[in-house]
């Protein structure tokens, strides 16, 4: 079977959700010459309603601004999202000339400002990372100014443009969703595609549309189309009953203790094996003391987020934690936020919105009185891209946060991906390599601990 790109995306979201009936919206750069597709799902089938075809694309629009701001690598859009809270939305009128929202509930790009209308999109590799050739034209630069070269200083107007594109993209998403709600009358919405990883926009949907419930898959990006294709075949083609809701992202590789200790012995690294009780006590003490922990447990996460199985974790009360992580390990832009993993049962104590966020897929406002308590995970605008940790889905991570909460009074850990400018570690040897070449204080792999 040949399953079209956005139909795979839609299946990965709707058929994985708990909803018997739902509107669905898939938004990305493009795939199979389509950039956006809406549908209505009912039971084990969905019906496509509308689509936006190449070269018009909200994902390409955001990518083009990302390139213009000096972030040329494929997937750099999250940097613009992290930069946006530092500025003011001063360029909305200019962006309205570049992308027009249409009366049919969608949008169109002004071809004057984009090269891909004539040249297509070319990809290349630069320093081991994929890049896309510049998509903006000379007319774009006449409208917005000179493009920033990677590594050049970020001026305030660059930051204001980042703010503007984020706000404008949110406006376009809400425009499409409100139109889709009017068309379907559905209470539920499933969103997928690469743009579904714009967690700032996703966190605002229920406040800015008439939908009541939302589902985002852990891998809304193109990697999730493998699951979507399988679910499309199972439900849409074969007509079989829906499978249970996918509530976990832990589908990857798992390493047992024998494999872990063998890796450490080959590398001649000293280690200690602990019981569960000893391990949680020791690791939580290290966190309270200000230590940086490499936490390697269970199956690898499926999707772009580290969700407490391949994570670097730190005490969120430390005001200097962000600088320490950037200096010792991550070596990334200082404006990018770090995420809070919070016990599911404590979300409403710390966040203005109270919802289950299992895949770190939404950004919520942190209650103002909590900002000083957890400065390391409070972004400049008072928000946090949270992961709500369920003891039934991630029992060991939940236990660690609970143990930390007993000692600190805070049911939250700073959580960032276990890597240093590379893919997230998957195997024990990769975790060990990252530990040895960075300044992580303690490596915890299952019940095995390695210390400096």
Protein backbone atom coordinates (compact mmCIF):
# COMPACT_ATOMS: atom_id res chain seq x y z
CA UNK A 1 0.00 0.00 0.00
CA UNK A 2 1.18 3.52 -0.82
CA UNK A 3 -0.09 5.85 1.91
CA UNK A 4 0.07 9.58 1.25
CA UNK A 5 2.21 11.69 3.60
CA UNK A 6 -0.45 13.76 5.36
CA UNK A 7 -2.87 10.84 5.59
CA UNK A 8 -0.12 9.07 7.54
CA UNK A 9 0.23 12.11 9.77
CA UNK A 10 -3.53 12.27 10.36
CA UNK A 11 -3.69 8.56 11.18
CA UNK A 12 -0.77 8.91 13.61
CA UNK A 13 -2.78 11.45 15.57
CA UNK A 14 -6.48 10.52 15.33
CA UNK A 15 -6.17 6.73 15.52
CA UNK A 16 -3.69 7.09 18.42
CA UNK A 17 -6.04 9.36 20.39
CA UNK A 18 -8.83 8.46 22.81
CA UNK A 19 -11.40 10.35 20.74
CA UNK A 20 -14.21 8.47 19.00
CA UNK A 21 -14.85 11.58 16.90
CA UNK A 22 -12.45 14.43 16.25
CA UNK A 23 -11.41 17.11 13.81
CA UNK A 24 -7.81 16.66 12.65
CA UNK A 25 -5.29 19.15 11.26
CA UNK A 26 -1.90 18.21 9.81
CA UNK A 27 0.56 21.07 9.17
CA UNK A 28 4.18 20.84 8.09
CA UNK A 29 6.62 22.03 5.44
CA UNK A 30 5.34 19.71 2.77
CA UNK A 31 5.09 16.03 1.92
CA UNK A 32 3.79 14.52 -1.31
CA UNK A 33 3.30 18.12 -2.51
CA UNK A 34 0.83 18.94 0.29
CA UNK A 35 1.59 21.18 3.28
CA UNK A 36 -1.68 21.18 5.22
CA UNK A 37 -4.61 18.78 5.41
CA UNK A 38 -7.79 18.84 7.48
CA UNK A 39 -10.04 15.88 8.20
CA UNK A 40 -12.87 14.61 10.37
CA UNK A 41 -12.34 11.31 12.13
CA UNK A 42 -15.14 9.02 13.29
CA UNK A 43 -14.52 5.59 14.75
CA UNK A 44 -12.03 3.67 12.64
CA UNK A 45 -12.21 5.98 9.61
CA UNK A 46 -11.44 9.58 8.74
CA UNK A 47 -12.51 11.74 5.81
CA UNK A 48 -10.20 14.34 4.31
CA UNK A 49 -11.96 17.72 4.09
CA UNK A 50 -9.46 20.20 2.61
CA UNK A 51 -5.80 20.58 1.79
CA UNK A 52 -3.22 23.25 0.99
CA UNK A 53 -0.79 22.24 -1.71
CA UNK A 54 2.79 23.11 -2.62
CA UNK A 55 4.21 25.76 -2.86
CA UNK A 56 1.96 27.32 -0.18
CA UNK A 57 3.15 26.19 3.24
CA UNK A 58 3.06 27.52 6.80
CA UNK A 59 6.05 25.35 7.67
CA UNK A 60 8.08 26.81 4.79
CA UNK A 61 7.07 30.31 5.89
CA UNK A 62 8.43 29.70 9.42
CA UNK A 63 11.55 28.00 8.04
CA UNK A 64 12.25 30.96 5.76
CA UNK A 65 12.15 33.40 8.67
CA UNK A 66 14.37 30.99 10.62
CA UNK A 67 16.94 31.04 7.80
CA UNK A 68 16.73 34.82 7.48
CA UNK A 69 17.53 35.12 11.20
CA UNK A 70 20.76 33.15 10.76
CA UNK A 71 19.68 29.66 11.78
CA UNK A 72 20.26 27.68 8.57
CA UNK A 73 20.06 24.09 9.76
CA UNK A 74 17.09 21.84 9.11
CA UNK A 75 15.04 21.81 12.32
CA UNK A 76 16.31 25.13 13.72
CA UNK A 77 12.78 26.53 14.03
CA UNK A 78 12.66 25.72 17.75
CA UNK A 79 15.46 28.27 18.26
CA UNK A 80 13.22 31.02 16.89
CA UNK A 81 10.41 29.81 19.16
CA UNK A 82 12.77 30.07 22.16
CA UNK A 83 14.00 33.51 21.11
CA UNK A 84 10.51 34.96 20.57
CA UNK A 85 9.66 35.88 24.21
CA UNK A 86 12.59 38.32 24.36
CA UNK A 87 11.12 40.80 21.85
CA UNK A 88 8.06 42.67 20.66
CA UNK A 89 5.85 41.77 17.69
CA UNK A 90 6.78 44.80 15.56
CA UNK A 91 6.73 43.15 12.12
CA UNK A 92 3.20 41.76 11.84
CA UNK A 93 2.24 44.11 8.98
CA UNK A 94 5.28 43.03 6.97
CA UNK A 95 4.50 39.36 7.57
CA UNK A 96 0.91 39.93 6.42
CA UNK A 97 2.36 40.92 3.04
CA UNK A 98 4.28 37.63 2.90
CA UNK A 99 1.46 35.30 4.01
CA UNK A 100 -2.23 36.06 3.58
CA UNK A 101 -4.96 34.33 5.57
CA UNK A 102 -7.81 33.43 3.23
CA UNK A 103 -11.59 33.35 3.65
CA UNK A 104 -11.68 29.57 3.19
CA UNK A 105 -9.90 29.13 6.52
CA UNK A 106 -6.44 28.61 5.12
CA UNK A 107 -3.66 30.84 3.72
CA UNK A 108 -1.47 31.54 0.72
CA UNK A 109 2.11 32.73 0.31
CA UNK A 110 3.11 35.73 -1.79
CA UNK A 111 5.43 34.22 -4.39
CA UNK A 112 7.40 37.48 -4.66
CA UNK A 113 9.16 36.63 -1.42
CA UNK A 114 10.02 32.94 -1.93
CA UNK A 115 12.50 31.19 -4.21
CA UNK A 116 10.86 27.79 -4.00
CA UNK A 117 7.98 28.86 -6.28
CA UNK A 118 10.45 28.68 -9.18
CA UNK A 119 13.51 26.79 -7.94
CA UNK A 120 12.07 24.19 -5.59
CA UNK A 121 13.83 23.31 -2.34
CA UNK A 122 17.40 22.00 -2.25
CA UNK A 123 19.02 20.40 0.80
CA UNK A 124 22.71 19.99 1.60
CA UNK A 125 25.01 18.99 4.46
CA UNK A 126 27.11 21.53 6.34
CA UNK A 127 29.43 20.43 9.13
CA UNK A 128 27.53 17.19 9.55
CA UNK A 129 24.13 18.90 9.79
CA UNK A 130 21.42 19.14 7.11
CA UNK A 131 20.76 22.60 5.70
CA UNK A 132 18.20 24.01 3.27
CA UNK A 133 19.31 26.48 0.63
CA UNK A 134 17.96 30.00 1.34
CA UNK A 135 14.28 30.27 0.48
CA UNK A 136 13.94 34.06 0.71
CA UNK A 137 14.30 36.39 -2.28
CA UNK A 138 15.85 39.84 -2.70
CA UNK A 139 12.33 41.27 -2.35
CA UNK A 140 12.10 39.66 1.08
CA UNK A 141 15.31 41.47 2.10
CA UNK A 142 13.98 44.77 0.73
CA UNK A 143 10.93 44.31 2.95
CA UNK A 144 12.64 43.14 6.14
CA UNK A 145 16.31 44.16 5.87
CA UNK A 146 19.63 42.36 5.56
CA UNK A 147 19.65 38.71 6.54
CA UNK A 148 21.74 37.66 9.53
CA UNK A 149 24.71 35.37 8.95
CA UNK A 150 25.07 32.45 11.37
CA UNK A 151 27.31 33.49 14.25
CA UNK A 152 26.73 37.22 13.85
CA UNK A 153 25.39 39.19 16.80
CA UNK A 154 21.64 39.00 17.34
CA UNK A 155 20.31 42.55 17.10
CA UNK A 156 17.08 43.60 18.82
CA UNK A 157 15.26 43.81 15.49
CA UNK A 158 16.16 40.17 14.82
CA UNK A 159 14.59 39.26 18.15
CA UNK A 160 11.51 41.36 17.39
CA UNK A 161 11.14 39.53 14.07
CA UNK A 162 11.30 36.19 15.91
CA UNK A 163 8.54 37.43 18.22
CA UNK A 164 6.51 38.55 15.23
CA UNK A 165 6.75 35.28 13.29
CA UNK A 166 5.78 33.27 16.37
CA UNK A 167 2.75 35.46 17.11
CA UNK A 168 1.75 35.54 13.45
CA UNK A 169 2.07 31.76 13.08
CA UNK A 170 -0.13 31.29 16.14
CA UNK A 171 -2.70 33.59 14.54
CA UNK A 172 -2.67 31.53 11.33
CA UNK A 173 -3.06 28.26 13.27
CA UNK A 174 -6.01 29.64 15.27
CA UNK A 175 -7.54 30.93 12.00
CA UNK A 176 -7.42 27.43 10.50
CA UNK A 177 -8.68 25.75 13.66
CA UNK A 178 -11.61 28.09 14.20
CA UNK A 179 -12.67 27.56 10.59
CA UNK A 180 -12.32 23.79 11.03
CA UNK A 181 -14.44 23.92 14.19
CA UNK A 182 -17.20 25.80 12.36
CA UNK A 183 -17.09 23.24 9.57
CA UNK A 184 -17.14 20.12 11.77
CA UNK A 185 -18.72 21.16 15.07
CA UNK A 186 -16.28 18.77 16.76
CA UNK A 187 -15.32 19.23 20.40
CA UNK A 188 -12.03 17.37 19.96
CA UNK A 189 -9.01 18.28 17.86
CA UNK A 190 -5.95 16.21 16.91
CA UNK A 191 -2.97 18.12 15.51
CA UNK A 192 0.03 16.61 13.77
CA UNK A 193 2.84 17.37 11.33
CA UNK A 194 6.08 19.18 12.09
CA UNK A 195 4.27 22.40 13.04
CA UNK A 196 2.56 20.43 15.84
CA UNK A 197 5.90 20.65 17.67
CA UNK A 198 5.43 24.41 18.03
CA UNK A 199 4.60 23.85 21.68
CA UNK A 200 4.03 27.55 22.37
CA UNK A 201 1.18 27.66 19.85
CA UNK A 202 -0.19 24.27 20.92
CA UNK A 203 -0.39 25.41 24.55
CA UNK A 204 -2.69 28.29 23.56
CA UNK A 205 -5.16 26.40 21.37
CA UNK A 206 -7.87 25.62 23.91
CA UNK A 207 -7.88 29.28 25.03
CA UNK A 208 -8.06 30.65 21.49
CA UNK A 209 -10.45 28.24 19.74
CA UNK A 210 -13.76 26.55 20.50
CA UNK A 211 -12.27 23.07 20.84
CA UNK A 212 -12.55 21.44 24.26
CA UNK A 213 -9.96 18.64 24.09
CA UNK A 214 -6.70 18.17 22.21
CA UNK A 215 -4.35 15.30 21.34
CA UNK A 216 -0.82 15.65 19.96
CA UNK A 217 1.27 12.53 19.23
CA UNK A 218 4.77 12.25 20.70
CA UNK A 219 6.21 12.18 17.17
CA UNK A 220 4.13 14.64 15.17
CA UNK A 221 7.05 15.14 12.80
CA UNK A 222 7.83 12.95 9.79
CA UNK A 223 9.26 10.20 12.00
CA UNK A 224 5.73 9.57 13.22
CA UNK A 225 4.46 8.67 9.76
CA UNK A 226 5.70 5.09 10.25
CA UNK A 227 3.17 4.66 13.08
CA UNK A 228 0.60 6.59 11.07
CA UNK A 229 1.01 4.34 8.05
CA UNK A 230 0.56 1.23 10.19
CA UNK A 231 -2.55 2.66 11.86
CA UNK A 232 -3.93 3.79 8.49
CA UNK A 233 -3.61 0.25 7.16
CA UNK A 234 -5.07 -1.28 10.33
CA UNK A 235 -8.08 1.04 10.57
CA UNK A 236 -8.74 2.89 7.33
CA UNK A 237 -7.92 0.09 4.87
CA UNK A 238 -8.55 -3.14 6.78
CA UNK A 239 -11.42 -1.71 8.83
CA UNK A 240 -10.23 -3.23 12.10
CA UNK A 241 -11.20 -1.95 15.53
CA UNK A 242 -9.30 0.97 17.02
CA UNK A 243 -6.35 0.13 19.27
CA UNK A 244 -6.11 1.72 22.75
CA UNK A 245 -4.93 5.32 23.00
CA UNK A 246 -1.16 5.72 22.73
CA UNK A 247 -0.24 7.31 26.06
CA UNK A 248 3.49 6.56 26.08
CA UNK A 249 6.47 7.55 23.95
CA UNK A 250 8.72 4.78 25.26
CA UNK A 251 8.96 2.51 22.21
CA UNK A 252 12.70 2.48 21.57
CA UNK A 253 15.67 0.38 22.56
CA UNK A 254 16.09 -0.95 26.11
CA UNK A 255 19.39 -2.02 27.67
CA UNK A 256 19.62 -4.56 30.49
CA UNK A 257 22.07 -4.44 33.37
CA UNK A 258 24.38 -7.09 31.89
CA UNK A 259 24.81 -5.06 28.69
CA UNK A 260 25.46 -1.89 30.70
CA UNK A 261 28.07 -3.43 32.99
CA UNK A 262 29.80 -5.11 30.02
CA UNK A 263 30.16 -1.72 28.30
CA UNK A 264 31.61 -0.19 31.47
CA UNK A 265 34.04 -3.07 32.02
CA UNK A 266 35.31 -2.89 28.43
CA UNK A 267 35.95 0.81 28.96
CA UNK A 268 37.61 0.08 32.34
CA UNK A 269 35.23 2.43 34.12
CA UNK A 270 34.47 1.89 37.81
CA UNK A 271 30.81 1.50 38.70
CA UNK A 272 28.50 0.44 41.51
CA UNK A 273 25.20 -1.45 41.31
CA UNK A 274 22.51 -0.30 43.77
CA UNK A 275 19.09 -1.50 44.86
CA UNK A 276 16.16 0.70 43.82
CA UNK A 277 15.86 2.20 47.29
CA UNK A 278 19.58 2.99 47.50
CA UNK A 279 19.62 4.37 43.97
CA UNK A 280 16.76 6.84 44.40
CA UNK A 281 18.21 8.00 47.72
CA UNK A 282 21.68 8.56 46.26
CA UNK A 283 20.53 10.27 43.05
CA UNK A 284 18.05 12.57 44.80
CA UNK A 285 20.77 13.59 47.28
CA UNK A 286 23.11 14.41 44.40
CA UNK A 287 20.41 16.54 42.77
CA UNK A 288 19.76 18.48 45.98
CA UNK A 289 23.51 19.07 46.28
CA UNK A 290 23.48 20.70 42.82
CA UNK A 291 24.77 17.78 40.77
CA UNK A 292 24.12 17.25 37.06
CA UNK A 293 22.80 13.74 36.37
CA UNK A 294 22.82 11.72 33.16
CA UNK A 295 19.66 9.58 33.52
CA UNK A 296 19.44 6.53 31.23
CA UNK A 297 16.44 4.27 31.96
CA UNK A 298 14.12 1.89 30.13
CA UNK A 299 13.15 2.31 26.50
CA UNK A 300 14.23 5.28 24.40
CA UNK A 301 11.62 7.94 23.67
CA UNK A 302 9.93 8.03 20.24
CA UNK A 303 9.86 11.64 19.09
CA UNK A 304 12.03 14.74 19.49
CA UNK A 305 11.70 15.16 23.27
CA UNK A 306 13.64 13.54 26.08
CA UNK A 307 10.97 12.41 28.54
CA UNK A 308 12.89 11.06 31.50
CA UNK A 309 14.40 7.97 29.89
CA UNK A 310 17.33 9.62 28.08
CA UNK A 311 17.59 12.87 30.03
CA UNK A 312 20.05 15.15 31.77
CA UNK A 313 18.40 16.30 34.99
CA UNK A 314 19.13 19.12 37.44
CA UNK A 315 17.55 20.84 40.46
CA UNK A 316 15.21 23.52 38.99
CA UNK A 317 15.68 25.77 42.04
CA UNK A 318 19.25 26.59 40.99
CA UNK A 319 19.22 30.01 39.34
CA UNK A 320 22.55 29.28 37.65
CA UNK A 321 21.53 25.85 36.33
CA UNK A 322 20.98 27.09 32.77
CA UNK A 323 24.44 28.66 32.62
CA UNK A 324 26.03 25.57 34.16
CA UNK A 325 24.39 23.27 31.63
CA UNK A 326 25.37 25.48 28.72
CA UNK A 327 28.96 25.84 29.95
CA UNK A 328 29.52 22.23 30.99
CA UNK A 329 27.48 20.22 28.50
CA UNK A 330 25.04 21.66 26.00
CA UNK A 331 27.04 24.59 24.59
CA UNK A 332 23.95 26.06 23.01
CA UNK A 333 22.35 29.49 22.66
CA UNK A 334 21.74 31.15 26.02
CA UNK A 335 18.22 32.27 25.09
CA UNK A 336 16.87 28.73 24.77
CA UNK A 337 14.77 27.55 27.74
CA UNK A 338 15.05 24.33 29.72
CA UNK A 339 11.97 22.24 30.44
CA UNK A 340 10.30 21.20 33.71
CA UNK A 341 9.30 17.58 34.32
CA UNK A 342 6.56 17.75 36.96
CA UNK A 343 4.54 15.11 38.77
CA UNK A 344 1.19 14.87 36.97
CA UNK A 345 -0.68 15.37 40.23
CA UNK A 346 1.16 18.67 40.93
CA UNK A 347 0.60 20.47 37.61
CA UNK A 348 -2.24 22.67 38.88
CA UNK A 349 -0.09 23.81 41.82
CA UNK A 350 2.51 25.35 39.52
CA UNK A 351 0.81 26.13 36.20
CA UNK A 352 -2.05 28.45 35.31
CA UNK A 353 -3.50 25.88 32.91
CA UNK A 354 -4.13 22.40 34.25
CA UNK A 355 -3.88 19.65 31.65
CA UNK A 356 -2.08 16.38 31.02
CA UNK A 357 1.07 17.03 28.95
CA UNK A 358 2.78 13.63 28.62
CA UNK A 359 4.98 14.43 25.61
CA UNK A 360 6.22 17.92 26.51
CA UNK A 361 3.97 19.12 23.70
CA UNK A 362 2.59 22.30 25.28
CA UNK A 363 3.98 25.47 26.84
CA UNK A 364 1.93 26.80 29.76
CA UNK A 365 2.17 29.86 31.99
CA UNK A 366 3.84 29.19 35.34
CA UNK A 367 2.02 30.76 38.29
CA UNK A 368 3.67 34.07 39.11
CA UNK A 369 4.28 33.17 42.74
CA UNK A 370 6.28 30.10 41.63
CA UNK A 371 8.73 31.89 39.31
CA UNK A 372 11.36 32.44 42.00
CA UNK A 373 10.96 28.89 43.31
CA UNK A 374 11.89 27.26 39.99
CA UNK A 375 13.99 29.86 38.11
CA UNK A 376 15.92 27.33 36.03
CA UNK A 377 12.78 26.19 34.18
CA UNK A 378 10.92 29.51 34.06
CA UNK A 379 11.44 31.19 30.69
CA UNK A 380 11.81 34.95 30.38
CA UNK A 381 8.05 35.31 29.71
CA UNK A 382 7.07 33.21 32.74
CA UNK A 383 6.29 30.04 30.79
CA UNK A 384 7.50 26.45 30.85
CA UNK A 385 7.34 23.61 28.31
CA UNK A 386 6.26 21.01 30.79
CA UNK A 387 6.14 17.24 30.87
CA UNK A 388 3.54 15.86 33.28
CA UNK A 389 4.95 12.59 34.64
CA UNK A 390 2.45 9.79 35.29
CA UNK A 391 3.51 7.08 37.75
CA UNK A 392 1.68 4.46 35.68
CA UNK A 393 3.57 5.36 32.49
CA UNK A 394 7.03 6.28 33.79
CA UNK A 395 7.22 4.81 37.30
CA UNK A 396 10.98 5.17 37.84
CA UNK A 397 11.11 8.80 36.72
CA UNK A 398 8.02 9.53 38.83
CA UNK A 399 9.71 7.87 41.82
CA UNK A 400 12.86 9.95 41.37
CA UNK A 401 10.94 13.24 41.16
CA UNK A 402 8.88 12.19 44.21
CA UNK A 403 12.06 11.43 46.16
CA UNK A 404 13.53 14.78 45.13
CA UNK A 405 10.29 16.48 46.21
CA UNK A 406 10.56 14.88 49.67
CA UNK A 407 13.96 16.52 50.13
CA UNK A 408 13.36 19.84 48.35
CA UNK A 409 9.63 20.50 48.57
CA UNK A 410 9.53 20.88 44.77
CA UNK A 411 7.91 18.12 42.62
CA UNK A 412 9.84 19.19 39.51
CA UNK A 413 13.16 18.44 37.81
CA UNK A 414 14.85 20.37 35.04
CA UNK A 415 14.92 17.96 32.11
CA UNK A 416 17.00 18.35 28.96
CA UNK A 417 17.96 15.79 26.35
CA UNK A 418 20.91 13.50 27.08
CA UNK A 419 23.28 14.69 24.34
CA UNK A 420 25.86 17.28 23.42
CA UNK A 421 25.12 18.68 19.94
CA UNK A 422 24.35 15.19 18.63
CA UNK A 423 21.34 12.86 18.49
CA UNK A 424 19.97 11.85 21.90
CA UNK A 425 21.94 8.91 23.30
CA UNK A 426 20.37 5.53 22.60
CA UNK A 427 22.88 2.89 23.77
CA UNK A 428 24.95 2.60 26.98
CA UNK A 429 28.20 3.27 25.12
CA UNK A 430 26.75 6.53 23.76
CA UNK A 431 25.66 7.60 27.24
CA UNK A 432 29.10 6.77 28.64
CA UNK A 433 30.83 8.66 25.83
CA UNK A 434 28.73 11.78 26.50
CA UNK A 435 29.41 11.49 30.24
CA UNK A 436 33.18 11.17 29.77
CA UNK A 437 33.59 14.11 27.39
CA UNK A 438 31.32 16.53 29.28
CA UNK A 439 31.10 17.59 32.91
CA UNK A 440 28.07 15.54 33.93
CA UNK A 441 28.62 14.68 37.61
CA UNK A 442 26.88 11.30 37.77
CA UNK A 443 25.81 8.74 35.17
CA UNK A 444 22.86 6.52 36.12
CA UNK A 445 22.05 3.62 33.78
CA UNK A 446 19.27 1.43 35.17
CA UNK A 447 20.62 0.50 38.65
CA UNK A 448 24.25 1.20 37.78
CA UNK A 449 25.93 4.43 38.88
CA UNK A 450 29.20 5.91 37.61
CA UNK A 451 30.64 8.89 39.50
CA UNK A 452 33.52 11.26 38.84
